[in-house]
Amino acid sequence: MMEAEDQQQWKRTFYSELPKVELHAHLNGSISCNTMKKLIAKKPGLKIHDQMTMIDKGKKRTLEECFQMFQIIHQFTTGPEDILMVTKDVIKEFADDGVKYLELRSTPRRDNVTGMTEKTYVESVLEGIKQSKQENLDINVRYLISIDRRGGPLVAKETVKLAEEFLLSTEDTVLGLDLSGDPTAGQAKDFLEPLLEAKKAGLKLALHLSEIPSSKKETQVLLDLLPDRIGHGTFLNSSEGGSLDLVDFVKKHQIPLELCLTSNIKSRTVPSYDQHHFGFWYSIAHPSVICTDDKGVFATHLSQEYQLAAEIFNLTPFQERTGRSQKEKEAEQTASPGLNMY
């Protein structure tokens, strides 16, 4: 019994201390129970408890229900001081988990009651990043400004302008744009103009795509933009929404994928861990990175995601530490330079 417990403790320590990179972390979805309790204490009139904003072990929700949870969370982050506190807490928690490089992403929001504007929202995130750096946390943090599909193309254009402004003024803290939100809202073609404008301005693109079945045409429209990274790509290699053509396109252009195991399981877009598409992309040595997506909502952390991937897909300690098999190293030598962003 003690040997088994010692082995489990060794594993937890190994994955926690392993230097990690987190490239797909939504700020509001990353709010932990501890931070949520602080927010609830500030706004007791909302009559919401922290269990309403997270999906605990063994539980699942539909994708629609997951997005509804964000609406609850947003009720607590209505002012610049809320955004600042959340940003600092999230950064510290990732640092405590051994993350050395973190990209946060979040959609700028306004609140007429508190007077928060989209610009002051972004400024609050940036202030949180700045203060965390001043506190000498061992983590390097960047920010992707998110376009929420539900906002439509006009709001997307405004978001691009905001991102362009901060790209020029923040010394590489704002790197690019994330397209996310409910994948059933709007159509990809509606966002082509603002996303092309963003590329011309030098903003990197990390696009959520192929998150739901039967979206092959929509996926190809976004892939034609040659994004710098793909968020999820759940059905790219699936007969339900993908195709060999899509897979070949992604392979040809060496577009890295951000893969989030627990998120996909708990939101029911993947039936089981052993069927997760990480296995497919890893087997063909395609550039990909394990991420949390929303560590608060899905009650996980990056160390746990690494351990899950290692145990389910039989990675050796060397592969876990380097993130690459020999096959991947060989592929890396032939890959076009400059496609792995940031």
C-alpha atoms as a PDB file:
ATOM      1  CA  MET A   1       0.000   0.000   0.000  1.00  0.00           C
ATOM      2  CA  MET A   2       2.783   2.427   0.959  1.00  0.00           C
ATOM      3  CA  GLU A   3       4.659   1.693  -2.273  1.00  0.00           C
ATOM      4  CA  ALA A   4       1.573   2.607  -4.314  1.00  0.00           C
ATOM      5  CA  GLU A   5       1.073   5.817  -2.322  1.00  0.00           C
ATOM      6  CA  ASP A   6       4.762   6.705  -2.704  1.00  0.00           C
ATOM      7  CA  GLN A   7       4.510   6.107  -6.447  1.00  0.00           C
ATOM      8  CA  GLN A   8       1.478   8.379  -6.732  1.00  0.00           C
ATOM      9  CA  GLN A   9       3.217  11.082  -4.726  1.00  0.00           C
ATOM     10  CA  TRP A  10       6.290  10.785  -6.946  1.00  0.00           C
ATOM     11  CA  LYS A  11       4.113  11.232 -10.018  1.00  0.00           C
ATOM     12  CA  ARG A  12       2.344  14.289  -8.616  1.00  0.00           C
ATOM     13  CA  THR A  13       5.686  15.857  -7.748  1.00  0.00           C
ATOM     14  CA  PHE A  14       7.165  14.996 -11.151  1.00  0.00           C
ATOM     15  CA  TYR A  15       4.339  16.590 -13.128  1.00  0.00           C
ATOM     16  CA  SER A  16       4.092  19.601 -10.841  1.00  0.00           C
ATOM     17  CA  GLU A  17       7.807  20.352 -11.035  1.00  0.00           C
ATOM     18  CA  LEU A  18       8.013  19.679 -14.771  1.00  0.00           C
ATOM     19  CA  PRO A  19       8.473  23.070 -16.518  1.00  0.00           C
ATOM     20  CA  LYS A  20       5.370  23.573 -18.632  1.00  0.00           C
ATOM     21  CA  VAL A  21       3.870  25.851 -21.267  1.00  0.00           C
ATOM     22  CA  GLU A  22       0.173  26.818 -21.244  1.00  0.00           C
ATOM     23  CA  LEU A  23      -1.055  28.293 -24.535  1.00  0.00           C
ATOM     24  CA  HIS A  24      -4.832  27.931 -24.246  1.00  0.00           C
ATOM     25  CA  ALA A  25      -6.211  29.383 -21.016  1.00  0.00           C
ATOM     26  CA  HIS A  26      -9.366  31.499 -20.943  1.00  0.00           C
ATOM     27  CA  LEU A  27      -9.041  33.962 -18.079  1.00  0.00           C
ATOM     28  CA  ASN A  28     -12.577  33.775 -16.649  1.00  0.00           C
ATOM     29  CA  GLY A  29     -12.744  30.009 -17.137  1.00  0.00           C
ATOM     30  CA  SER A  30      -9.493  29.653 -15.191  1.00  0.00           C
ATOM     31  CA  ILE A  31     -10.880  31.172 -11.977  1.00  0.00           C
ATOM     32  CA  SER A  32     -10.308  28.699  -9.148  1.00  0.00           C
ATOM     33  CA  CYS A  33     -12.676  27.903  -6.279  1.00  0.00           C
ATOM     34  CA  ASN A  34     -10.571  30.020  -3.929  1.00  0.00           C
ATOM     35  CA  THR A  35     -10.816  33.078  -6.174  1.00  0.00           C
ATOM     36  CA  MET A  36     -14.511  32.455  -6.824  1.00  0.00           C
ATOM     37  CA  LYS A  37     -15.168  32.450  -3.084  1.00  0.00           C
ATOM     38  CA  LYS A  38     -13.479  35.868  -2.818  1.00  0.00           C
ATOM     39  CA  LEU A  39     -15.638  37.190  -5.652  1.00  0.00           C
ATOM     40  CA  ILE A  40     -18.804  35.736  -4.090  1.00  0.00           C
ATOM     41  CA  ALA A  41     -17.953  37.394  -0.770  1.00  0.00           C
ATOM     42  CA  LYS A  42     -17.803  40.755  -2.549  1.00  0.00           C
ATOM     43  CA  LYS A  43     -21.221  40.220  -4.181  1.00  0.00           C
ATOM     44  CA  PRO A  44     -23.352  38.110  -1.815  1.00  0.00           C
ATOM     45  CA  GLY A  45     -26.553  39.487  -3.328  1.00  0.00           C
ATOM     46  CA  LEU A  46     -26.114  37.329  -6.429  1.00  0.00           C
ATOM     47  CA  LYS A  47     -27.062  34.159  -4.479  1.00  0.00           C
ATOM     48  CA  ILE A  48     -24.548  32.053  -6.403  1.00  0.00           C
ATOM     49  CA  HIS A  49     -22.176  29.485  -4.871  1.00  0.00           C
ATOM     50  CA  ASP A  50     -18.863  28.315  -6.304  1.00  0.00           C
ATOM     51  CA  GLN A  51     -20.153  24.847  -7.260  1.00  0.00           C
ATOM     52  CA  MET A  52     -22.314  26.536  -9.908  1.00  0.00           C
ATOM     53  CA  THR A  53     -19.183  27.621 -11.789  1.00  0.00           C
ATOM     54  CA  MET A  54     -17.225  24.361 -11.983  1.00  0.00           C
ATOM     55  CA  ILE A  55     -17.748  20.808 -13.240  1.00  0.00           C
ATOM     56  CA  ASP A  56     -16.406  18.446 -10.599  1.00  0.00           C
ATOM     57  CA  LYS A  57     -14.742  15.065 -11.077  1.00  0.00           C
ATOM     58  CA  GLY A  58     -16.851  12.530 -12.945  1.00  0.00           C
ATOM     59  CA  LYS A  59     -19.469  15.049 -14.037  1.00  0.00           C
ATOM     60  CA  LYS A  60     -20.178  16.327 -17.520  1.00  0.00           C
ATOM     61  CA  ARG A  61     -22.143  19.111 -19.218  1.00  0.00           C
ATOM     62  CA  THR A  62     -23.215  19.812 -22.758  1.00  0.00           C
ATOM     63  CA  LEU A  63     -21.223  22.449 -24.626  1.00  0.00           C
ATOM     64  CA  GLU A  64     -24.219  24.788 -24.338  1.00  0.00           C
ATOM     65  CA  GLU A  65     -24.354  24.295 -20.565  1.00  0.00           C
ATOM     66  CA  CYS A  66     -20.639  25.067 -20.318  1.00  0.00           C
ATOM     67  CA  PHE A  67     -21.169  28.412 -22.032  1.00  0.00           C
ATOM     68  CA  GLN A  68     -24.024  29.149 -19.622  1.00  0.00           C
ATOM     69  CA  MET A  69     -21.565  28.743 -16.750  1.00  0.00           C
ATOM     70  CA  PHE A  70     -19.483  31.559 -18.195  1.00  0.00           C
ATOM     71  CA  GLN A  71     -22.506  33.838 -18.043  1.00  0.00           C
ATOM     72  CA  ILE A  72     -22.645  33.161 -14.290  1.00  0.00           C
ATOM     73  CA  ILE A  73     -18.915  33.828 -13.877  1.00  0.00           C
ATOM     74  CA  HIS A  74     -19.167  37.104 -15.793  1.00  0.00           C
ATOM     75  CA  GLN A  75     -21.615  38.407 -13.182  1.00  0.00           C
ATOM     76  CA  PHE A  76     -18.728  38.454 -10.701  1.00  0.00           C
ATOM     77  CA  THR A  77     -16.148  40.123 -12.947  1.00  0.00           C
ATOM     78  CA  THR A  78     -17.856  43.413 -13.727  1.00  0.00           C
ATOM     79  CA  GLY A  79     -15.267  45.965 -12.641  1.00  0.00           C
ATOM     80  CA  PRO A  80     -11.566  46.629 -13.315  1.00  0.00           C
ATOM     81  CA  GLU A  81     -10.667  45.649  -9.737  1.00  0.00           C
ATOM     82  CA  ASP A  82     -12.324  42.239 -10.273  1.00  0.00           C
ATOM     83  CA  ILE A  83     -10.365  41.652 -13.473  1.00  0.00           C
ATOM     84  CA  LEU A  84      -7.119  42.701 -11.808  1.00  0.00           C
ATOM     85  CA  MET A  85      -7.613  40.315  -8.863  1.00  0.00           C
ATOM     86  CA  VAL A  86      -8.637  37.427 -11.098  1.00  0.00           C
ATOM     87  CA  THR A  87      -5.669  37.946 -13.425  1.00  0.00           C
ATOM     88  CA  LYS A  88      -3.161  37.953 -10.567  1.00  0.00           C
ATOM     89  CA  ASP A  89      -4.706  34.904  -8.898  1.00  0.00           C
ATOM     90  CA  VAL A  90      -4.797  32.911 -12.130  1.00  0.00           C
ATOM     91  CA  ILE A  91      -1.184  33.759 -12.968  1.00  0.00           C
ATOM     92  CA  LYS A  92       0.011  32.762  -9.487  1.00  0.00           C
ATOM     93  CA  GLU A  93      -1.851  29.452  -9.638  1.00  0.00           C
ATOM     94  CA  PHE A  94      -0.296  28.587 -12.990  1.00  0.00           C
ATOM     95  CA  ALA A  95       3.137  29.552 -11.645  1.00  0.00           C
ATOM     96  CA  ASP A  96       2.579  27.355  -8.576  1.00  0.00           C
ATOM     97  CA  ASP A  97       1.801  24.479 -10.962  1.00  0.00           C
ATOM     98  CA  GLY A  98       5.169  24.769 -12.692  1.00  0.00           C
ATOM     99  CA  VAL A  99       4.035  26.750 -15.731  1.00  0.00           C
ATOM    100  CA  LYS A 100       6.912  28.888 -16.996  1.00  0.00           C
ATOM    101  CA  TYR A 101       5.206  30.443 -20.032  1.00  0.00           C
ATOM    102  CA  LEU A 102       1.516  31.346 -20.037  1.00  0.00           C
ATOM    103  CA  GLU A 103      -0.779  32.880 -22.620  1.00  0.00           C
ATOM    104  CA  LEU A 104      -4.056  34.130 -21.182  1.00  0.00           C
ATOM    105  CA  ARG A 105      -6.959  34.931 -23.474  1.00  0.00           C
ATOM    106  CA  SER A 106     -10.086  36.904 -22.690  1.00  0.00           C
ATOM    107  CA  THR A 107     -12.805  38.904 -24.421  1.00  0.00           C
ATOM    108  CA  PRO A 108     -12.889  42.613 -23.468  1.00  0.00           C
ATOM    109  CA  ARG A 109     -16.216  43.472 -21.812  1.00  0.00           C
ATOM    110  CA  ARG A 110     -17.937  46.651 -20.734  1.00  0.00           C
ATOM    111  CA  ASP A 111     -20.228  47.172 -17.770  1.00  0.00           C
ATOM    112  CA  ASN A 112     -22.413  50.257 -17.629  1.00  0.00           C
ATOM    113  CA  VAL A 113     -22.911  50.013 -13.862  1.00  0.00           C
ATOM    114  CA  THR A 114     -19.227  49.963 -12.892  1.00  0.00           C
ATOM    115  CA  GLY A 115     -18.113  52.075 -15.856  1.00  0.00           C
ATOM    116  CA  MET A 116     -15.726  49.406 -17.106  1.00  0.00           C
ATOM    117  CA  THR A 117     -15.060  49.674 -20.853  1.00  0.00           C
ATOM    118  CA  GLU A 118     -13.437  47.215 -23.216  1.00  0.00           C
ATOM    119  CA  LYS A 119     -10.242  49.275 -23.017  1.00  0.00           C
ATOM    120  CA  THR A 120     -10.143  49.413 -19.216  1.00  0.00           C
ATOM    121  CA  TYR A 121     -10.838  45.668 -19.164  1.00  0.00           C
ATOM    122  CA  VAL A 122      -7.725  45.032 -21.241  1.00  0.00           C
ATOM    123  CA  GLU A 123      -5.755  47.512 -19.155  1.00  0.00           C
ATOM    124  CA  SER A 124      -6.764  45.631 -15.998  1.00  0.00           C
ATOM    125  CA  VAL A 125      -5.513  42.322 -17.422  1.00  0.00           C
ATOM    126  CA  LEU A 126      -2.249  43.998 -18.417  1.00  0.00           C
ATOM    127  CA  GLU A 127      -1.905  45.555 -14.971  1.00  0.00           C
ATOM    128  CA  GLY A 128      -2.346  42.114 -13.423  1.00  0.00           C
ATOM    129  CA  ILE A 129       0.410  40.764 -15.669  1.00  0.00           C
ATOM    130  CA  LYS A 130       2.645  43.721 -14.767  1.00  0.00           C
ATOM    131  CA  GLN A 131       2.115  43.360 -11.013  1.00  0.00           C
ATOM    132  CA  SER A 132       2.749  39.613 -11.178  1.00  0.00           C
ATOM    133  CA  LYS A 133       6.060  40.298 -12.896  1.00  0.00           C
ATOM    134  CA  GLN A 134       6.966  42.869 -10.240  1.00  0.00           C
ATOM    135  CA  GLU A 135       6.292  40.235  -7.582  1.00  0.00           C
ATOM    136  CA  ASN A 136       8.989  38.084  -9.229  1.00  0.00           C
ATOM    137  CA  LEU A 137       6.796  35.110 -10.018  1.00  0.00           C
ATOM    138  CA  ASP A 138       8.750  32.582 -12.075  1.00  0.00           C
ATOM    139  CA  ILE A 139       6.470  32.803 -15.105  1.00  0.00           C
ATOM    140  CA  ASN A 140       6.406  34.692 -18.397  1.00  0.00           C
ATOM    141  CA  VAL A 141       2.885  35.871 -19.305  1.00  0.00           C
ATOM    142  CA  ARG A 142       1.351  37.088 -22.577  1.00  0.00           C
ATOM    143  CA  TYR A 143      -2.197  38.028 -23.582  1.00  0.00           C
ATOM    144  CA  LEU A 144      -4.400  37.165 -26.555  1.00  0.00           C
ATOM    145  CA  ILE A 145      -7.435  39.408 -26.942  1.00  0.00           C
ATOM    146  CA  SER A 146     -10.481  37.285 -27.734  1.00  0.00           C
ATOM    147  CA  ILE A 147     -13.208  37.787 -30.297  1.00  0.00           C
ATOM    148  CA  ASP A 148     -16.431  36.188 -29.082  1.00  0.00           C
ATOM    149  CA  ARG A 149     -18.352  34.787 -32.057  1.00  0.00           C
ATOM    150  CA  ARG A 150     -21.620  35.779 -30.396  1.00  0.00           C
ATOM    151  CA  GLY A 151     -20.656  39.450 -30.708  1.00  0.00           C
ATOM    152  CA  GLY A 152     -20.787  39.339 -34.501  1.00  0.00           C
ATOM    153  CA  PRO A 153     -18.522  40.948 -37.123  1.00  0.00           C
ATOM    154  CA  LEU A 154     -18.998  44.586 -36.057  1.00  0.00           C
ATOM    155  CA  VAL A 155     -17.822  43.898 -32.520  1.00  0.00           C
ATOM    156  CA  ALA A 156     -15.021  41.772 -33.986  1.00  0.00           C
ATOM    157  CA  LYS A 157     -13.786  44.778 -35.983  1.00  0.00           C
ATOM    158  CA  GLU A 158     -13.767  46.918 -32.845  1.00  0.00           C
ATOM    159  CA  THR A 159     -11.845  44.214 -31.002  1.00  0.00           C
ATOM    160  CA  VAL A 160      -9.244  44.063 -33.764  1.00  0.00           C
ATOM    161  CA  LYS A 161      -8.721  47.826 -33.536  1.00  0.00           C
ATOM    162  CA  LEU A 162      -8.275  47.509 -29.777  1.00  0.00           C
ATOM    163  CA  ALA A 163      -5.795  44.679 -30.222  1.00  0.00           C
ATOM    164  CA  GLU A 164      -3.845  46.679 -32.802  1.00  0.00           C
ATOM    165  CA  GLU A 165      -3.571  49.565 -30.341  1.00  0.00           C
ATOM    166  CA  PHE A 166      -2.227  47.355 -27.538  1.00  0.00           C
ATOM    167  CA  LEU A 167       0.042  45.410 -29.895  1.00  0.00           C
ATOM    168  CA  LEU A 168       1.918  48.645 -30.529  1.00  0.00           C
ATOM    169  CA  SER A 169       1.942  49.899 -26.947  1.00  0.00           C
ATOM    170  CA  THR A 170       2.656  46.884 -24.736  1.00  0.00           C
ATOM    171  CA  GLU A 171       6.110  45.680 -25.788  1.00  0.00           C
ATOM    172  CA  ASP A 172       4.951  42.240 -26.966  1.00  0.00           C
ATOM    173  CA  THR A 173       2.600  41.501 -24.061  1.00  0.00           C
ATOM    174  CA  VAL A 174      -0.415  41.541 -26.402  1.00  0.00           C
ATOM    175  CA  LEU A 175       0.530  39.100 -29.129  1.00  0.00           C
ATOM    176  CA  GLY A 176      -2.573  38.399 -31.116  1.00  0.00           C
ATOM    177  CA  LEU A 177      -6.206  37.400 -31.316  1.00  0.00           C
ATOM    178  CA  ASP A 178      -8.238  34.417 -30.239  1.00  0.00           C
ATOM    179  CA  LEU A 179     -11.507  33.567 -32.032  1.00  0.00           C
ATOM    180  CA  SER A 180     -13.726  31.633 -29.638  1.00  0.00           C
ATOM    181  CA  GLY A 181     -17.159  31.460 -28.068  1.00  0.00           C
ATOM    182  CA  ASP A 182     -20.152  29.334 -29.011  1.00  0.00           C
ATOM    183  CA  PRO A 183     -19.119  27.536 -32.252  1.00  0.00           C
ATOM    184  CA  THR A 184     -22.760  27.479 -33.402  1.00  0.00           C
ATOM    185  CA  ALA A 185     -22.981  31.302 -33.301  1.00  0.00           C
ATOM    186  CA  GLY A 186     -22.454  33.133 -36.566  1.00  0.00           C
ATOM    187  CA  GLN A 187     -20.527  31.890 -39.568  1.00  0.00           C
ATOM    188  CA  ALA A 188     -16.791  31.829 -40.197  1.00  0.00           C
ATOM    189  CA  LYS A 189     -17.115  34.005 -43.301  1.00  0.00           C
ATOM    190  CA  ASP A 190     -18.555  36.808 -41.133  1.00  0.00           C
ATOM    191  CA  PHE A 191     -15.184  37.140 -39.388  1.00  0.00           C
ATOM    192  CA  LEU A 192     -12.889  36.954 -42.403  1.00  0.00           C
ATOM    193  CA  GLU A 193     -12.565  40.713 -42.900  1.00  0.00           C
ATOM    194  CA  PRO A 194     -11.560  41.583 -39.300  1.00  0.00           C
ATOM    195  CA  LEU A 195      -9.257  38.564 -39.032  1.00  0.00           C
ATOM    196  CA  LEU A 196      -7.500  39.453 -42.278  1.00  0.00           C
ATOM    197  CA  GLU A 197      -7.104  43.004 -41.001  1.00  0.00           C
ATOM    198  CA  ALA A 198      -5.555  41.597 -37.837  1.00  0.00           C
ATOM    199  CA  LYS A 199      -3.034  39.561 -39.828  1.00  0.00           C
ATOM    200  CA  LYS A 200      -2.045  42.617 -41.853  1.00  0.00           C
ATOM    201  CA  ALA A 201      -1.443  44.503 -38.604  1.00  0.00           C
ATOM    202  CA  GLY A 202       0.942  41.803 -37.404  1.00  0.00           C
ATOM    203  CA  LEU A 203      -1.369  40.134 -34.891  1.00  0.00           C
ATOM    204  CA  LYS A 204      -1.058  36.359 -34.513  1.00  0.00           C
ATOM    205  CA  LEU A 205      -4.198  34.237 -34.858  1.00  0.00           C
ATOM    206  CA  ALA A 206      -5.219  31.378 -32.570  1.00  0.00           C
ATOM    207  CA  LEU A 207      -8.573  30.158 -33.860  1.00  0.00           C
ATOM    208  CA  HIS A 208     -11.040  27.747 -32.260  1.00  0.00           C
ATOM    209  CA  LEU A 209     -12.227  25.503 -35.060  1.00  0.00           C
ATOM    210  CA  SER A 210     -13.755  22.097 -35.777  1.00  0.00           C
ATOM    211  CA  GLU A 211     -15.123  21.957 -32.210  1.00  0.00           C
ATOM    212  CA  ILE A 212     -18.423  20.405 -33.272  1.00  0.00           C
ATOM    213  CA  PRO A 213     -19.447  17.796 -35.891  1.00  0.00           C
ATOM    214  CA  SER A 214     -20.556  18.644 -39.410  1.00  0.00           C
ATOM    215  CA  SER A 215     -18.450  21.768 -39.693  1.00  0.00           C
ATOM    216  CA  LYS A 216     -16.083  20.857 -42.532  1.00  0.00           C
ATOM    217  CA  LYS A 217     -16.902  23.866 -44.726  1.00  0.00           C
ATOM    218  CA  GLU A 218     -16.714  26.254 -41.788  1.00  0.00           C
ATOM    219  CA  THR A 219     -13.387  24.736 -40.753  1.00  0.00           C
ATOM    220  CA  GLN A 220     -11.855  25.133 -44.206  1.00  0.00           C
ATOM    221  CA  VAL A 221     -12.821  28.811 -44.308  1.00  0.00           C
ATOM    222  CA  LEU A 222     -10.857  29.433 -41.102  1.00  0.00           C
ATOM    223  CA  LEU A 223      -7.940  27.220 -42.129  1.00  0.00           C
ATOM    224  CA  ASP A 224      -7.575  29.210 -45.343  1.00  0.00           C
ATOM    225  CA  LEU A 225      -6.527  32.130 -43.143  1.00  0.00           C
ATOM    226  CA  LEU A 226      -3.472  30.023 -42.194  1.00  0.00           C
ATOM    227  CA  PRO A 227      -3.864  30.622 -38.464  1.00  0.00           C
ATOM    228  CA  ASP A 228      -0.780  30.425 -36.283  1.00  0.00           C
ATOM    229  CA  ARG A 229      -2.464  27.867 -34.024  1.00  0.00           C
ATOM    230  CA  ILE A 230      -5.661  25.805 -33.874  1.00  0.00           C
ATOM    231  CA  GLY A 231      -7.785  25.618 -30.729  1.00  0.00           C
ATOM    232  CA  HIS A 232      -9.149  22.097 -30.132  1.00  0.00           C
ATOM    233  CA  GLY A 233      -9.570  20.892 -33.755  1.00  0.00           C
ATOM    234  CA  THR A 234     -11.701  18.145 -32.222  1.00  0.00           C
ATOM    235  CA  PHE A 235     -13.267  16.829 -35.418  1.00  0.00           C
ATOM    236  CA  LEU A 236     -10.508  17.533 -37.949  1.00  0.00           C
ATOM    237  CA  ASN A 237      -9.663  13.836 -38.233  1.00  0.00           C
ATOM    238  CA  SER A 238     -13.207  12.597 -37.634  1.00  0.00           C
ATOM    239  CA  SER A 239     -15.707  11.275 -40.159  1.00  0.00           C
ATOM    240  CA  GLU A 240     -18.349  13.343 -38.330  1.00  0.00           C
ATOM    241  CA  GLY A 241     -16.941  16.714 -39.322  1.00  0.00           C
ATOM    242  CA  GLY A 242     -13.465  16.381 -40.702  1.00  0.00           C
ATOM    243  CA  SER A 243     -11.703  14.735 -43.596  1.00  0.00           C
ATOM    244  CA  LEU A 244      -8.338  13.601 -44.860  1.00  0.00           C
ATOM    245  CA  ASP A 245      -8.194  16.830 -46.848  1.00  0.00           C
ATOM    246  CA  LEU A 246      -8.425  18.909 -43.674  1.00  0.00           C
ATOM    247  CA  VAL A 247      -5.809  16.781 -41.927  1.00  0.00           C
ATOM    248  CA  ASP A 248      -3.483  17.031 -44.927  1.00  0.00           C
ATOM    249  CA  PHE A 249      -3.946  20.810 -45.010  1.00  0.00           C
ATOM    250  CA  VAL A 250      -3.030  21.156 -41.335  1.00  0.00           C
ATOM    251  CA  LYS A 251      -0.042  18.823 -41.772  1.00  0.00           C
ATOM    252  CA  LYS A 252       1.172  20.585 -44.905  1.00  0.00           C
ATOM    253  CA  HIS A 253       1.174  23.985 -43.231  1.00  0.00           C
ATOM    254  CA  GLN A 254       2.435  22.587 -39.908  1.00  0.00           C
ATOM    255  CA  ILE A 255      -0.246  24.460 -37.922  1.00  0.00           C
ATOM    256  CA  PRO A 256       0.148  23.528 -34.229  1.00  0.00           C
ATOM    257  CA  LEU A 257      -2.871  22.363 -32.230  1.00  0.00           C
ATOM    258  CA  GLU A 258      -3.869  23.317 -28.681  1.00  0.00           C
ATOM    259  CA  LEU A 259      -5.371  20.161 -27.164  1.00  0.00           C
ATOM    260  CA  CYS A 260      -7.462  20.125 -23.983  1.00  0.00           C
ATOM    261  CA  LEU A 261      -8.295  16.627 -22.769  1.00  0.00           C
ATOM    262  CA  THR A 262     -10.473  17.149 -19.688  1.00  0.00           C
ATOM    263  CA  SER A 263     -12.295  20.080 -21.286  1.00  0.00           C
ATOM    264  CA  ASN A 264     -13.360  17.927 -24.227  1.00  0.00           C
ATOM    265  CA  ILE A 265     -14.438  15.039 -22.001  1.00  0.00           C
ATOM    266  CA  LYS A 266     -16.447  17.152 -19.570  1.00  0.00           C
ATOM    267  CA  SER A 267     -18.105  19.146 -22.371  1.00  0.00           C
ATOM    268  CA  ARG A 268     -18.984  15.871 -24.126  1.00  0.00           C
ATOM    269  CA  THR A 269     -17.305  16.609 -27.444  1.00  0.00           C
ATOM    270  CA  VAL A 270     -15.039  13.556 -26.971  1.00  0.00           C
ATOM    271  CA  PRO A 271     -16.522  10.337 -25.511  1.00  0.00           C
ATOM    272  CA  SER A 272     -13.496   9.098 -23.523  1.00  0.00           C
ATOM    273  CA  TYR A 273      -9.884   9.984 -22.778  1.00  0.00           C
ATOM    274  CA  ASP A 274      -8.478   7.077 -24.793  1.00  0.00           C
ATOM    275  CA  GLN A 275     -10.408   8.300 -27.851  1.00  0.00           C
ATOM    276  CA  HIS A 276      -9.085  11.860 -27.549  1.00  0.00           C
ATOM    277  CA  HIS A 277      -7.569  13.216 -30.754  1.00  0.00           C
ATOM    278  CA  PHE A 278      -4.302  13.917 -28.944  1.00  0.00           C
ATOM    279  CA  GLY A 279      -3.469  10.285 -29.707  1.00  0.00           C
ATOM    280  CA  PHE A 280      -3.900  10.793 -33.455  1.00  0.00           C
ATOM    281  CA  TRP A 281      -1.848  13.988 -33.729  1.00  0.00           C
ATOM    282  CA  TYR A 282       0.875  12.683 -31.435  1.00  0.00           C
ATOM    283  CA  SER A 283       1.142   9.438 -33.425  1.00  0.00           C
ATOM    284  CA  ILE A 284       1.921  11.377 -36.614  1.00  0.00           C
ATOM    285  CA  ALA A 285       4.381  13.690 -34.842  1.00  0.00           C
ATOM    286  CA  HIS A 286       2.351  16.812 -35.543  1.00  0.00           C
ATOM    287  CA  PRO A 287       3.138  19.933 -33.465  1.00  0.00           C
ATOM    288  CA  SER A 288       0.682  20.076 -30.571  1.00  0.00           C
ATOM    289  CA  VAL A 289       0.564  21.230 -26.974  1.00  0.00           C
ATOM    290  CA  ILE A 290      -1.482  20.028 -24.000  1.00  0.00           C
ATOM    291  CA  CYS A 291      -3.555  22.789 -22.383  1.00  0.00           C
ATOM    292  CA  THR A 292      -6.269  23.255 -19.758  1.00  0.00           C
ATOM    293  CA  ASP A 293      -8.753  25.495 -21.639  1.00  0.00           C
ATOM    294  CA  ASP A 294     -10.642  26.479 -18.441  1.00  0.00           C
ATOM    295  CA  LYS A 295      -8.932  25.039 -15.378  1.00  0.00           C
ATOM    296  CA  GLY A 296     -11.549  26.503 -13.019  1.00  0.00           C
ATOM    297  CA  VAL A 297     -14.667  25.414 -14.868  1.00  0.00           C
ATOM    298  CA  PHE A 298     -13.294  21.946 -15.600  1.00  0.00           C
ATOM    299  CA  ALA A 299     -11.643  21.508 -12.179  1.00  0.00           C
ATOM    300  CA  THR A 300      -8.205  20.612 -13.497  1.00  0.00           C
ATOM    301  CA  HIS A 301      -4.667  21.955 -13.732  1.00  0.00           C
ATOM    302  CA  LEU A 302      -1.926  21.558 -16.301  1.00  0.00           C
ATOM    303  CA  SER A 303       0.057  19.008 -14.269  1.00  0.00           C
ATOM    304  CA  GLN A 304      -3.040  16.833 -14.182  1.00  0.00           C
ATOM    305  CA  GLU A 305      -3.514  17.143 -17.949  1.00  0.00           C
ATOM    306  CA  TYR A 306       0.109  16.110 -18.545  1.00  0.00           C
ATOM    307  CA  GLN A 307      -0.280  13.100 -16.264  1.00  0.00           C
ATOM    308  CA  LEU A 308      -3.525  12.056 -17.965  1.00  0.00           C
ATOM    309  CA  ALA A 309      -1.933  12.222 -21.417  1.00  0.00           C
ATOM    310  CA  ALA A 310       1.137  10.305 -20.249  1.00  0.00           C
ATOM    311  CA  GLU A 311      -0.795   7.503 -18.582  1.00  0.00           C
ATOM    312  CA  ILE A 312      -3.484   7.117 -21.247  1.00  0.00           C
ATOM    313  CA  PHE A 313      -1.127   7.254 -24.247  1.00  0.00           C
ATOM    314  CA  ASN A 314       1.785   5.416 -22.604  1.00  0.00           C
ATOM    315  CA  LEU A 315       4.376   8.164 -22.839  1.00  0.00           C
ATOM    316  CA  THR A 316       7.782   7.460 -21.368  1.00  0.00           C
ATOM    317  CA  PRO A 317       9.296   9.812 -18.753  1.00  0.00           C
ATOM    318  CA  PHE A 318      11.633  11.105 -21.466  1.00  0.00           C
ATOM    319  CA  GLN A 319       8.726  11.947 -23.771  1.00  0.00           C
ATOM    320  CA  GLU A 320       6.870  13.557 -20.872  1.00  0.00           C
ATOM    321  CA  ARG A 321       9.866  15.713 -20.008  1.00  0.00           C
ATOM    322  CA  THR A 322      10.808  16.732 -23.563  1.00  0.00           C
ATOM    323  CA  GLY A 323       7.354  16.607 -25.112  1.00  0.00           C
ATOM    324  CA  ARG A 324       8.821  14.900 -28.159  1.00  0.00           C
ATOM    325  CA  SER A 325       9.414  11.387 -29.369  1.00  0.00           C
ATOM    326  CA  GLN A 326      12.267  10.537 -31.735  1.00  0.00           C
ATOM    327  CA  LYS A 327       9.749  10.574 -34.568  1.00  0.00           C
ATOM    328  CA  GLU A 328       8.761  14.123 -33.622  1.00  0.00           C
ATOM    329  CA  LYS A 329      12.388  15.243 -33.588  1.00  0.00           C
ATOM    330  CA  GLU A 330      12.835  13.919 -37.118  1.00  0.00           C
ATOM    331  CA  ALA A 331       9.681  15.729 -38.248  1.00  0.00           C
ATOM    332  CA  GLU A 332      10.856  18.923 -36.578  1.00  0.00           C
ATOM    333  CA  GLN A 333      14.043  18.900 -38.646  1.00  0.00           C
ATOM    334  CA  THR A 334      12.024  18.992 -41.867  1.00  0.00           C
ATOM    335  CA  ALA A 335       9.343  21.446 -40.710  1.00  0.00           C
ATOM    336  CA  SER A 336       9.179  24.953 -42.137  1.00  0.00           C
ATOM    337  CA  PRO A 337      10.678  27.527 -39.740  1.00  0.00           C
ATOM    338  CA  GLY A 338       8.624  30.254 -38.145  1.00  0.00           C
ATOM    339  CA  LEU A 339       5.309  28.455 -37.874  1.00  0.00           C
ATOM    340  CA  ASN A 340       5.511  27.759 -34.161  1.00  0.00           C
ATOM    341  CA  MET A 341       4.383  31.100 -32.881  1.00  0.00           C
ATOM    342  CA  TYR A 342       5.300  33.014 -29.757  1.00  0.00           C
END
